[in-house]
Structure formats: C-alpha cells, structure tokens
Amino acid sequence: MNLRKYYDLDKIINRSAELVYRRVEKLLEERNDFCKCENCVLDLIAYTLNHVTPLYMTSLLGPLDNGRKEKKINTEIEIALEAGIKRIKAHPHHEDYSDIKMKQR
C-alpha cells in the first residue's frame, strides 16, 4: 500500500519544526556572533530539531490544547540553540569560518 496514493500526508505538520524555524529567524536578526551562511544555519536548524521533542498534528485540526507542550518545546529550543551555536562555531562546515562575511544582517 502506498499511503501517499490514498492519503494527503502533507496535512500532517511538525509544530516543533515551525517553532524552531521561527526562533532561528529571530536569532539571525538579533545576533551578529553567528555565521549566517547556508551551511551554518542549516546545521543549527538540524541540530536544534534533533534535540527538541517533535509535536505532530494535522493541519485540519490545528493545535489541540498544546499550550503546555509548546512552552516545554520552546524551552528545549532555547537550550538546543545555545548548545548548537557553540558546537557549530567550534566546528563549522566550511573552509574558513573567519573569512565568511555575514551578508544577511
């Protein structure tokens, strides 16, 4: 059975991922001490998502009493972001971190 053939799986969303994306956008606007190249930003997002509890829901239903869960996830996001920033700054995935210009300020 091919689920995609019978069901619209795009209606399932990971609310945690949406919260991470929004928080990383804000972080990139607020901070100038982190490289904003694609490699570093995607590494930060991936690191954070791997350290945050997923929260899946259907887009039809929307959030169902997820206020407490989202508060917990937002705390996890903040902790993971700080750890991710330290790790990525110490081990960036590009050749010369010091020469990267932060063009997207």
PDB file of N, CA and C in Angstrom:
ATOM      1  N   MET A   1       0.839  -1.186   0.000  1.00  0.00           N
ATOM      2  CA  MET A   1       0.000   0.000   0.000  1.00  0.00           C
ATOM      3  C   MET A   1       0.880   1.245   0.000  1.00  0.00           C
ATOM      4  N   ASN A   2       0.602   2.169  -0.842  1.00  0.00           N
ATOM      5  CA  ASN A   2       1.303   3.443  -0.895  1.00  0.00           C
ATOM      6  C   ASN A   2       0.426   4.490  -0.214  1.00  0.00           C
ATOM      7  N   LEU A   3       0.803   4.903   0.993  1.00  0.00           N
ATOM      8  CA  LEU A   3      -0.009   5.845   1.762  1.00  0.00           C
ATOM      9  C   LEU A   3      -0.277   7.141   1.005  1.00  0.00           C
ATOM     10  N   ARG A   4       0.741   7.642   0.329  1.00  0.00           N
ATOM     11  CA  ARG A   4       0.575   8.901  -0.413  1.00  0.00           C
ATOM     12  C   ARG A   4      -0.470   8.796  -1.521  1.00  0.00           C
ATOM     13  N   LYS A   5      -0.670   7.589  -2.007  1.00  0.00           N
ATOM     14  CA  LYS A   5      -1.673   7.390  -3.055  1.00  0.00           C
ATOM     15  C   LYS A   5      -3.086   7.577  -2.504  1.00  0.00           C
ATOM     16  N   TYR A   6      -3.285   7.252  -1.245  1.00  0.00           N
ATOM     17  CA  TYR A   6      -4.619   7.273  -0.654  1.00  0.00           C
ATOM     18  C   TYR A   6      -4.863   8.411   0.343  1.00  0.00           C
ATOM     19  N   TYR A   7      -3.771   8.972   0.877  1.00  0.00           N
ATOM     20  CA  TYR A   7      -3.912   9.974   1.928  1.00  0.00           C
ATOM     21  C   TYR A   7      -3.016  11.174   1.646  1.00  0.00           C
ATOM     22  N   ASP A   8      -3.484  12.343   2.034  1.00  0.00           N
ATOM     23  CA  ASP A   8      -2.708  13.570   1.881  1.00  0.00           C
ATOM     24  C   ASP A   8      -1.821  13.751   3.105  1.00  0.00           C
ATOM     25  N   LEU A   9      -0.616  13.209   3.039  1.00  0.00           N
ATOM     26  CA  LEU A   9       0.297  13.255   4.185  1.00  0.00           C
ATOM     27  C   LEU A   9       0.842  14.653   4.448  1.00  0.00           C
ATOM     28  N   ASP A  10       0.655  15.569   3.509  1.00  0.00           N
ATOM     29  CA  ASP A  10       1.096  16.950   3.716  1.00  0.00           C
ATOM     30  C   ASP A  10       0.248  17.666   4.766  1.00  0.00           C
ATOM     31  N   LYS A  11      -0.860  17.067   5.146  1.00  0.00           N
ATOM     32  CA  LYS A  11      -1.706  17.658   6.186  1.00  0.00           C
ATOM     33  C   LYS A  11      -1.165  17.400   7.588  1.00  0.00           C
ATOM     34  N   ILE A  12      -0.146  16.568   7.685  1.00  0.00           N
ATOM     35  CA  ILE A  12       0.500  16.320   8.972  1.00  0.00           C
ATOM     36  C   ILE A  12       1.682  17.272   9.085  1.00  0.00           C
ATOM     37  N   ILE A  13       1.685  18.062  10.144  1.00  0.00           N
ATOM     38  CA  ILE A  13       2.762  19.032  10.330  1.00  0.00           C
ATOM     39  C   ILE A  13       3.474  18.768  11.658  1.00  0.00           C
ATOM     40  N   ASN A  14       4.743  19.147  11.694  1.00  0.00           N
ATOM     41  CA  ASN A  14       5.520  19.072  12.925  1.00  0.00           C
ATOM     42  C   ASN A  14       5.576  20.489  13.495  1.00  0.00           C
ATOM     43  N   ARG A  15       4.767  20.735  14.494  1.00  0.00           N
ATOM     44  CA  ARG A  15       4.689  22.070  15.108  1.00  0.00           C
ATOM     45  C   ARG A  15       6.034  22.476  15.698  1.00  0.00           C
ATOM     46  N   SER A  16       6.789  21.523  16.204  1.00  0.00           N
ATOM     47  CA  SER A  16       8.114  21.836  16.754  1.00  0.00           C
ATOM     48  C   SER A  16       9.009  22.436  15.681  1.00  0.00           C
ATOM     49  N   ALA A  17       8.961  21.893  14.474  1.00  0.00           N
ATOM     50  CA  ALA A  17       9.782  22.422  13.385  1.00  0.00           C
ATOM     51  C   ALA A  17       9.394  23.865  13.076  1.00  0.00           C
ATOM     52  N   GLU A  18       8.100  24.147  13.059  1.00  0.00           N
ATOM     53  CA  GLU A  18       7.664  25.524  12.811  1.00  0.00           C
ATOM     54  C   GLU A  18       8.196  26.468  13.882  1.00  0.00           C
ATOM     55  N   LEU A  19       8.159  26.036  15.135  1.00  0.00           N
ATOM     56  CA  LEU A  19       8.681  26.863  16.231  1.00  0.00           C
ATOM     57  C   LEU A  19      10.183  27.067  16.110  1.00  0.00           C
ATOM     58  N   VAL A  20      10.906  26.035  15.704  1.00  0.00           N
ATOM     59  CA  VAL A  20      12.361  26.152  15.512  1.00  0.00           C
ATOM     60  C   VAL A  20      12.656  27.139  14.390  1.00  0.00           C
ATOM     61  N   TYR A  21      11.983  27.022  13.253  1.00  0.00           N
ATOM     62  CA  TYR A  21      12.233  27.923  12.124  1.00  0.00           C
ATOM     63  C   TYR A  21      12.000  29.373  12.541  1.00  0.00           C
ATOM     64  N   ARG A  22      10.907  29.609  13.227  1.00  0.00           N
ATOM     65  CA  ARG A  22      10.583  30.986  13.642  1.00  0.00           C
ATOM     66  C   ARG A  22      11.639  31.519  14.611  1.00  0.00           C
ATOM     67  N   ARG A  23      12.086  30.671  15.536  1.00  0.00           N
ATOM     68  CA  ARG A  23      13.076  31.119  16.515  1.00  0.00           C
ATOM     69  C   ARG A  23      14.434  31.367  15.871  1.00  0.00           C
ATOM     70  N   VAL A  24      14.821  30.532  14.912  1.00  0.00           N
ATOM     71  CA  VAL A  24      16.100  30.740  14.219  1.00  0.00           C
ATOM     72  C   VAL A  24      16.049  32.037  13.406  1.00  0.00           C
ATOM     73  N   GLU A  25      14.929  32.316  12.756  1.00  0.00           N
ATOM     74  CA  GLU A  25      14.788  33.590  12.028  1.00  0.00           C
ATOM     75  C   GLU A  25      15.038  34.768  12.966  1.00  0.00           C
ATOM     76  N   LYS A  26      14.414  34.720  14.128  1.00  0.00           N
ATOM     77  CA  LYS A  26      14.574  35.800  15.112  1.00  0.00           C
ATOM     78  C   LYS A  26      16.015  35.880  15.598  1.00  0.00           C
ATOM     79  N   LEU A  27      16.618  34.737  15.861  1.00  0.00           N
ATOM     80  CA  LEU A  27      18.001  34.694  16.325  1.00  0.00           C
ATOM     81  C   LEU A  27      18.944  35.331  15.299  1.00  0.00           C
ATOM     82  N   LEU A  28      18.736  35.037  14.023  1.00  0.00           N
ATOM     83  CA  LEU A  28      19.597  35.591  12.977  1.00  0.00           C
ATOM     84  C   LEU A  28      19.455  37.104  12.862  1.00  0.00           C
ATOM     85  N   GLU A  29      18.280  37.626  13.199  1.00  0.00           N
ATOM     86  CA  GLU A  29      18.080  39.076  13.200  1.00  0.00           C
ATOM     87  C   GLU A  29      18.727  39.727  14.423  1.00  0.00           C
ATOM     88  N   GLU A  30      18.715  39.021  15.545  1.00  0.00           N
ATOM     89  CA  GLU A  30      19.175  39.579  16.816  1.00  0.00           C
ATOM     90  C   GLU A  30      20.679  39.497  17.027  1.00  0.00           C
ATOM     91  N   ARG A  31      21.300  38.458  16.522  1.00  0.00           N
ATOM     92  CA  ARG A  31      22.697  38.193  16.860  1.00  0.00           C
ATOM     93  C   ARG A  31      23.619  38.349  15.665  1.00  0.00           C
ATOM     94  N   ASN A  32      24.787  38.895  15.937  1.00  0.00           N
ATOM     95  CA  ASN A  32      25.806  39.045  14.899  1.00  0.00           C
ATOM     96  C   ASN A  32      27.024  38.172  15.171  1.00  0.00           C
ATOM     97  N   ASP A  33      26.932  37.299  16.158  1.00  0.00           N
ATOM     98  CA  ASP A  33      28.081  36.475  16.523  1.00  0.00           C
ATOM     99  C   ASP A  33      27.997  35.063  15.949  1.00  0.00           C
ATOM    100  N   PHE A  34      27.099  34.853  15.003  1.00  0.00           N
ATOM    101  CA  PHE A  34      26.929  33.540  14.402  1.00  0.00           C
ATOM    102  C   PHE A  34      26.940  33.673  12.888  1.00  0.00           C
ATOM    103  N   CYS A  35      27.679  32.795  12.236  1.00  0.00           N
ATOM    104  CA  CYS A  35      27.774  32.813  10.774  1.00  0.00           C
ATOM    105  C   CYS A  35      26.404  32.553  10.164  1.00  0.00           C
ATOM    106  N   LYS A  36      26.046  33.338   9.172  1.00  0.00           N
ATOM    107  CA  LYS A  36      24.732  33.221   8.553  1.00  0.00           C
ATOM    108  C   LYS A  36      24.780  32.556   7.183  1.00  0.00           C
ATOM    109  N   CYS A  37      25.868  31.844   6.909  1.00  0.00           N
ATOM    110  CA  CYS A  37      25.936  31.118   5.648  1.00  0.00           C
ATOM    111  C   CYS A  37      24.955  29.941   5.704  1.00  0.00           C
ATOM    112  N   GLU A  38      24.591  29.430   4.551  1.00  0.00           N
ATOM    113  CA  GLU A  38      23.606  28.347   4.485  1.00  0.00           C
ATOM    114  C   GLU A  38      24.037  27.120   5.288  1.00  0.00           C
ATOM    115  N   ASN A  39      25.310  26.740   5.185  1.00  0.00           N
ATOM    116  CA  ASN A  39      25.787  25.557   5.913  1.00  0.00           C
ATOM    117  C   ASN A  39      25.572  25.695   7.419  1.00  0.00           C
ATOM    118  N   CYS A  40      25.970  26.825   7.969  1.00  0.00           N
ATOM    119  CA  CYS A  40      25.869  27.010   9.415  1.00  0.00           C
ATOM    120  C   CYS A  40      24.415  27.107   9.872  1.00  0.00           C
ATOM    121  N   VAL A  41      23.596  27.821   9.129  1.00  0.00           N
ATOM    122  CA  VAL A  41      22.191  27.966   9.522  1.00  0.00           C
ATOM    123  C   VAL A  41      21.469  26.622   9.431  1.00  0.00           C
ATOM    124  N   LEU A  42      21.684  25.884   8.353  1.00  0.00           N
ATOM    125  CA  LEU A  42      21.035  24.571   8.238  1.00  0.00           C
ATOM    126  C   LEU A  42      21.553  23.601   9.288  1.00  0.00           C
ATOM    127  N   ASP A  43      22.843  23.666   9.607  1.00  0.00           N
ATOM    128  CA  ASP A  43      23.388  22.827  10.680  1.00  0.00           C
ATOM    129  C   ASP A  43      22.727  23.170  12.013  1.00  0.00           C
ATOM    130  N   LEU A  44      22.534  24.463  12.265  1.00  0.00           N
ATOM    131  CA  LEU A  44      21.899  24.889  13.507  1.00  0.00           C
ATOM    132  C   LEU A  44      20.451  24.398  13.585  1.00  0.00           C
ATOM    133  N   ILE A  45      19.728  24.521  12.482  1.00  0.00           N
ATOM    134  CA  ILE A  45      18.341  24.047  12.458  1.00  0.00           C
ATOM    135  C   ILE A  45      18.289  22.537  12.684  1.00  0.00           C
ATOM    136  N   ALA A  46      19.140  21.789  11.979  1.00  0.00           N
ATOM    137  CA  ALA A  46      19.153  20.328  12.118  1.00  0.00           C
ATOM    138  C   ALA A  46      19.538  19.931  13.540  1.00  0.00           C
ATOM    139  N   TYR A  47      20.557  20.573  14.093  1.00  0.00           N
ATOM    140  CA  TYR A  47      20.972  20.266  15.461  1.00  0.00           C
ATOM    141  C   TYR A  47      19.812  20.503  16.429  1.00  0.00           C
ATOM    142  N   THR A  48      19.168  21.651  16.287  1.00  0.00           N
ATOM    143  CA  THR A  48      18.074  22.005  17.188  1.00  0.00           C
ATOM    144  C   THR A  48      16.917  21.025  17.061  1.00  0.00           C
ATOM    145  N   LEU A  49      16.523  20.707  15.825  1.00  0.00           N
ATOM    146  CA  LEU A  49      15.419  19.761  15.615  1.00  0.00           C
ATOM    147  C   LEU A  49      15.729  18.390  16.218  1.00  0.00           C
ATOM    148  N   ASN A  50      16.986  17.991  16.182  1.00  0.00           N
ATOM    149  CA  ASN A  50      17.373  16.703  16.748  1.00  0.00           C
ATOM    150  C   ASN A  50      17.366  16.692  18.278  1.00  0.00           C
ATOM    151  N   HIS A  51      17.252  17.865  18.886  1.00  0.00           N
ATOM    152  CA  HIS A  51      17.266  17.956  20.348  1.00  0.00           C
ATOM    153  C   HIS A  51      15.948  18.483  20.916  1.00  0.00           C
ATOM    154  N   VAL A  52      14.925  18.515  20.087  1.00  0.00           N
ATOM    155  CA  VAL A  52      13.623  19.023  20.509  1.00  0.00           C
ATOM    156  C   VAL A  52      12.580  17.925  20.305  1.00  0.00           C
ATOM    157  N   THR A  53      11.666  17.817  21.227  1.00  0.00           N
ATOM    158  CA  THR A  53      10.587  16.841  21.122  1.00  0.00           C
ATOM    159  C   THR A  53       9.680  17.204  19.949  1.00  0.00           C
ATOM    160  N   PRO A  54       9.441  16.282  19.022  1.00  0.00           N
ATOM    161  CA  PRO A  54       8.531  16.585  17.911  1.00  0.00           C
ATOM    162  C   PRO A  54       7.087  16.673  18.409  1.00  0.00           C
ATOM    163  N   LEU A  55       6.312  17.501  17.758  1.00  0.00           N
ATOM    164  CA  LEU A  55       4.900  17.650  18.099  1.00  0.00           C
ATOM    165  C   LEU A  55       4.113  17.661  16.791  1.00  0.00           C
ATOM    166  N   TYR A  56       3.617  16.498  16.414  1.00  0.00           N
ATOM    167  CA  TYR A  56       2.901  16.350  15.155  1.00  0.00           C
ATOM    168  C   TYR A  56       1.409  16.563  15.354  1.00  0.00           C
ATOM    169  N   MET A  57       0.803  17.182  14.355  1.00  0.00           N
ATOM    170  CA  MET A  57      -0.644  17.373  14.352  1.00  0.00           C
ATOM    171  C   MET A  57      -1.114  17.471  12.907  1.00  0.00           C
ATOM    172  N   THR A  58      -2.400  17.358  12.719  1.00  0.00           N
ATOM    173  CA  THR A  58      -2.935  17.535  11.366  1.00  0.00           C
ATOM    174  C   THR A  58      -3.290  18.993  11.188  1.00  0.00           C
ATOM    175  N   SER A  59      -3.071  19.504  10.006  1.00  0.00           N
ATOM    176  CA  SER A  59      -3.366  20.909   9.756  1.00  0.00           C
ATOM    177  C   SER A  59      -4.861  21.178   9.828  1.00  0.00           C
ATOM    178  N   LEU A  60      -5.668  20.143   9.631  1.00  0.00           N
ATOM    179  CA  LEU A  60      -7.118  20.318   9.716  1.00  0.00           C
ATOM    180  C   LEU A  60      -7.564  20.619  11.139  1.00  0.00           C
ATOM    181  N   LEU A  61      -6.933  19.964  12.098  1.00  0.00           N
ATOM    182  CA  LEU A  61      -7.336  20.131  13.479  1.00  0.00           C
ATOM    183  C   LEU A  61      -6.645  21.301  14.160  1.00  0.00           C
ATOM    184  N   GLY A  62      -5.457  21.614  13.730  1.00  0.00           N
ATOM    185  CA  GLY A  62      -4.701  22.670  14.371  1.00  0.00           C
ATOM    186  C   GLY A  62      -4.299  22.260  15.775  1.00  0.00           C
ATOM    187  N   PRO A  63      -3.793  23.198  16.550  1.00  0.00           N
ATOM    188  CA  PRO A  63      -3.355  22.866  17.901  1.00  0.00           C
ATOM    189  C   PRO A  63      -4.526  22.457  18.782  1.00  0.00           C
ATOM    190  N   LEU A  64      -4.373  21.352  19.470  1.00  0.00           N
ATOM    191  CA  LEU A  64      -5.373  20.892  20.421  1.00  0.00           C
ATOM    192  C   LEU A  64      -4.780  20.955  21.817  1.00  0.00           C
ATOM    193  N   ASP A  65      -5.014  22.054  22.507  1.00  0.00           N
ATOM    194  CA  ASP A  65      -4.524  22.209  23.874  1.00  0.00           C
ATOM    195  C   ASP A  65      -3.031  21.925  23.972  1.00  0.00           C
ATOM    196  N   ASN A  66      -2.261  22.537  23.096  1.00  0.00           N
ATOM    197  CA  ASN A  66      -0.823  22.291  23.074  1.00  0.00           C
ATOM    198  C   ASN A  66      -0.024  23.397  23.761  1.00  0.00           C
ATOM    199  N   GLY A  67      -0.700  24.276  24.493  1.00  0.00           N
ATOM    200  CA  GLY A  67      -0.005  25.387  25.145  1.00  0.00           C
ATOM    201  C   GLY A  67       1.113  24.944  26.062  1.00  0.00           C
ATOM    202  N   ARG A  68       0.834  23.963  26.919  1.00  0.00           N
ATOM    203  CA  ARG A  68       1.866  23.472  27.842  1.00  0.00           C
ATOM    204  C   ARG A  68       2.976  22.763  27.081  1.00  0.00           C
ATOM    205  N   LYS A  69       2.602  21.991  26.070  1.00  0.00           N
ATOM    206  CA  LYS A  69       3.604  21.278  25.274  1.00  0.00           C
ATOM    207  C   LYS A  69       4.495  22.263  24.534  1.00  0.00           C
ATOM    208  N   GLU A  70       3.883  23.303  23.951  1.00  0.00           N
ATOM    209  CA  GLU A  70       4.679  24.288  23.219  1.00  0.00           C
ATOM    210  C   GLU A  70       5.608  25.059  24.142  1.00  0.00           C
ATOM    211  N   LYS A  71       5.174  25.335  25.360  1.00  0.00           N
ATOM    212  CA  LYS A  71       6.045  26.024  26.326  1.00  0.00           C
ATOM    213  C   LYS A  71       7.270  25.168  26.622  1.00  0.00           C
ATOM    214  N   LYS A  72       7.050  23.865  26.822  1.00  0.00           N
ATOM    215  CA  LYS A  72       8.155  22.929  27.061  1.00  0.00           C
ATOM    216  C   LYS A  72       9.085  22.880  25.845  1.00  0.00           C
ATOM    217  N   ILE A  73       8.502  22.822  24.664  1.00  0.00           N
ATOM    218  CA  ILE A  73       9.297  22.763  23.434  1.00  0.00           C
ATOM    219  C   ILE A  73      10.095  24.042  23.245  1.00  0.00           C
ATOM    220  N   ASN A  74       9.504  25.194  23.539  1.00  0.00           N
ATOM    221  CA  ASN A  74      10.236  26.457  23.423  1.00  0.00           C
ATOM    222  C   ASN A  74      11.436  26.488  24.357  1.00  0.00           C
ATOM    223  N   THR A  75      11.301  25.912  25.541  1.00  0.00           N
ATOM    224  CA  THR A  75      12.440  25.814  26.464  1.00  0.00           C
ATOM    225  C   THR A  75      13.510  24.905  25.879  1.00  0.00           C
ATOM    226  N   GLU A  76      13.086  23.772  25.324  1.00  0.00           N
ATOM    227  CA  GLU A  76      14.033  22.854  24.680  1.00  0.00           C
ATOM    228  C   GLU A  76      14.746  23.549  23.519  1.00  0.00           C
ATOM    229  N   ILE A  77      14.023  24.356  22.767  1.00  0.00           N
ATOM    230  CA  ILE A  77      14.598  25.062  21.622  1.00  0.00           C
ATOM    231  C   ILE A  77      15.699  26.007  22.089  1.00  0.00           C
ATOM    232  N   GLU A  78      15.442  26.778  23.129  1.00  0.00           N
ATOM    233  CA  GLU A  78      16.437  27.733  23.621  1.00  0.00           C
ATOM    234  C   GLU A  78      17.713  27.022  24.073  1.00  0.00           C
ATOM    235  N   ILE A  79      17.558  25.927  24.791  1.00  0.00           N
ATOM    236  CA  ILE A  79      18.719  25.168  25.267  1.00  0.00           C
ATOM    237  C   ILE A  79      19.486  24.586  24.080  1.00  0.00           C
ATOM    238  N   ALA A  80      18.764  24.002  23.126  1.00  0.00           N
ATOM    239  CA  ALA A  80      19.407  23.382  21.963  1.00  0.00           C
ATOM    240  C   ALA A  80      20.086  24.418  21.079  1.00  0.00           C
ATOM    241  N   LEU A  81      19.478  25.580  20.919  1.00  0.00           N
ATOM    242  CA  LEU A  81      20.089  26.625  20.089  1.00  0.00           C
ATOM    243  C   LEU A  81      21.436  27.070  20.660  1.00  0.00           C
ATOM    244  N   GLU A  82      21.479  27.304  21.947  1.00  0.00           N
ATOM    245  CA  GLU A  82      22.740  27.746  22.551  1.00  0.00           C
ATOM    246  C   GLU A  82      23.816  26.666  22.409  1.00  0.00           C
ATOM    247  N   ALA A  83      23.453  25.425  22.652  1.00  0.00           N
ATOM    248  CA  ALA A  83      24.416  24.327  22.502  1.00  0.00           C
ATOM    249  C   ALA A  83      24.836  24.182  21.041  1.00  0.00           C
ATOM    250  N   GLY A  84      23.877  24.308  20.135  1.00  0.00           N
ATOM    251  CA  GLY A  84      24.170  24.197  18.704  1.00  0.00           C
ATOM    252  C   GLY A  84      25.089  25.300  18.223  1.00  0.00           C
ATOM    253  N   ILE A  85      24.850  26.517  18.673  1.00  0.00           N
ATOM    254  CA  ILE A  85      25.701  27.648  18.279  1.00  0.00           C
ATOM    255  C   ILE A  85      27.139  27.394  18.729  1.00  0.00           C
ATOM    256  N   LYS A  86      27.311  26.980  19.967  1.00  0.00           N
ATOM    257  CA  LYS A  86      28.668  26.707  20.469  1.00  0.00           C
ATOM    258  C   LYS A  86      29.349  25.611  19.654  1.00  0.00           C
ATOM    259  N   ARG A  87      28.615  24.565  19.375  1.00  0.00           N
ATOM    260  CA  ARG A  87      29.188  23.430  18.631  1.00  0.00           C
ATOM    261  C   ARG A  87      29.548  23.815  17.189  1.00  0.00           C
ATOM    262  N   ILE A  88      28.651  24.512  16.527  1.00  0.00           N
ATOM    263  CA  ILE A  88      28.877  24.877  15.123  1.00  0.00           C
ATOM    264  C   ILE A  88      29.989  25.918  15.008  1.00  0.00           C
ATOM    265  N   LYS A  89      30.041  26.861  15.949  1.00  0.00           N
ATOM    266  CA  LYS A  89      31.139  27.838  15.924  1.00  0.00           C
ATOM    267  C   LYS A  89      32.486  27.143  16.122  1.00  0.00           C
ATOM    268  N   ALA A  90      32.509  26.093  16.930  1.00  0.00           N
ATOM    269  CA  ALA A  90      33.752  25.360  17.171  1.00  0.00           C
ATOM    270  C   ALA A  90      34.122  24.455  15.999  1.00  0.00           C
ATOM    271  N   HIS A  91      33.116  23.977  15.274  1.00  0.00           N
ATOM    272  CA  HIS A  91      33.347  23.039  14.168  1.00  0.00           C
ATOM    273  C   HIS A  91      32.458  23.377  12.968  1.00  0.00           C
ATOM    274  N   PRO A  92      32.695  24.528  12.331  1.00  0.00           N
ATOM    275  CA  PRO A  92      31.854  24.905  11.184  1.00  0.00           C
ATOM    276  C   PRO A  92      32.101  23.988   9.988  1.00  0.00           C
ATOM    277  N   HIS A  93      31.101  23.844   9.145  1.00  0.00           N
ATOM    278  CA  HIS A  93      31.210  23.002   7.954  1.00  0.00           C
ATOM    279  C   HIS A  93      31.545  23.817   6.708  1.00  0.00           C
ATOM    280  N   HIS A  94      32.443  24.760   6.858  1.00  0.00           N
ATOM    281  CA  HIS A  94      33.004  25.450   5.703  1.00  0.00           C
ATOM    282  C   HIS A  94      34.468  25.705   5.976  1.00  0.00           C
ATOM    283  N   GLU A  95      35.190  25.995   4.921  1.00  0.00           N
ATOM    284  CA  GLU A  95      36.655  26.005   4.984  1.00  0.00           C
ATOM    285  C   GLU A  95      37.243  26.997   5.986  1.00  0.00           C
ATOM    286  N   ASP A  96      36.867  28.253   5.890  1.00  0.00           N
ATOM    287  CA  ASP A  96      37.488  29.249   6.754  1.00  0.00           C
ATOM    288  C   ASP A  96      36.421  30.121   7.389  1.00  0.00           C
ATOM    289  N   TYR A  97      36.035  29.773   8.568  1.00  0.00           N
ATOM    290  CA  TYR A  97      34.971  30.479   9.279  1.00  0.00           C
ATOM    291  C   TYR A  97      35.298  31.963   9.430  1.00  0.00           C
ATOM    292  N   SER A  98      36.531  32.304   9.664  1.00  0.00           N
ATOM    293  CA  SER A  98      36.893  33.695   9.900  1.00  0.00           C
ATOM    294  C   SER A  98      36.737  34.562   8.670  1.00  0.00           C
ATOM    295  N   ASP A  99      36.727  33.980   7.461  1.00  0.00           N
ATOM    296  CA  ASP A  99      36.593  34.767   6.240  1.00  0.00           C
ATOM    297  C   ASP A  99      35.165  34.896   5.747  1.00  0.00           C
ATOM    298  N   ILE A 100      34.231  34.220   6.379  1.00  0.00           N
ATOM    299  CA  ILE A 100      32.832  34.301   5.949  1.00  0.00           C
ATOM    300  C   ILE A 100      32.286  35.668   6.314  1.00  0.00           C
ATOM    301  N   LYS A 101      31.745  36.350   5.353  1.00  0.00           N
ATOM    302  CA  LYS A 101      31.125  37.644   5.597  1.00  0.00           C
ATOM    303  C   LYS A 101      29.655  37.434   5.934  1.00  0.00           C
ATOM    304  N   MET A 102      29.197  38.080   6.944  1.00  0.00           N
ATOM    305  CA  MET A 102      27.796  37.946   7.338  1.00  0.00           C
ATOM    306  C   MET A 102      26.968  38.916   6.518  1.00  0.00           C
ATOM    307  N   LYS A 103      26.638  38.486   5.294  1.00  0.00           N
ATOM    308  CA  LYS A 103      25.958  39.331   4.319  1.00  0.00           C
ATOM    309  C   LYS A 103      24.494  39.585   4.659  1.00  0.00           C
ATOM    310  N   GLN A 104      23.869  38.712   5.400  1.00  0.00           N
ATOM    311  CA  GLN A 104      22.429  38.795   5.605  1.00  0.00           C
ATOM    312  C   GLN A 104      22.098  39.388   6.963  1.00  0.00           C
ATOM    313  N   ARG A 105      22.632  40.523   7.272  1.00  0.00           N
ATOM    314  CA  ARG A 105      22.364  41.147   8.580  1.00  0.00           C
ATOM    315  C   ARG A 105      21.071  41.893   8.549  1.00  0.00           C
TER     316      ARG A 105
END
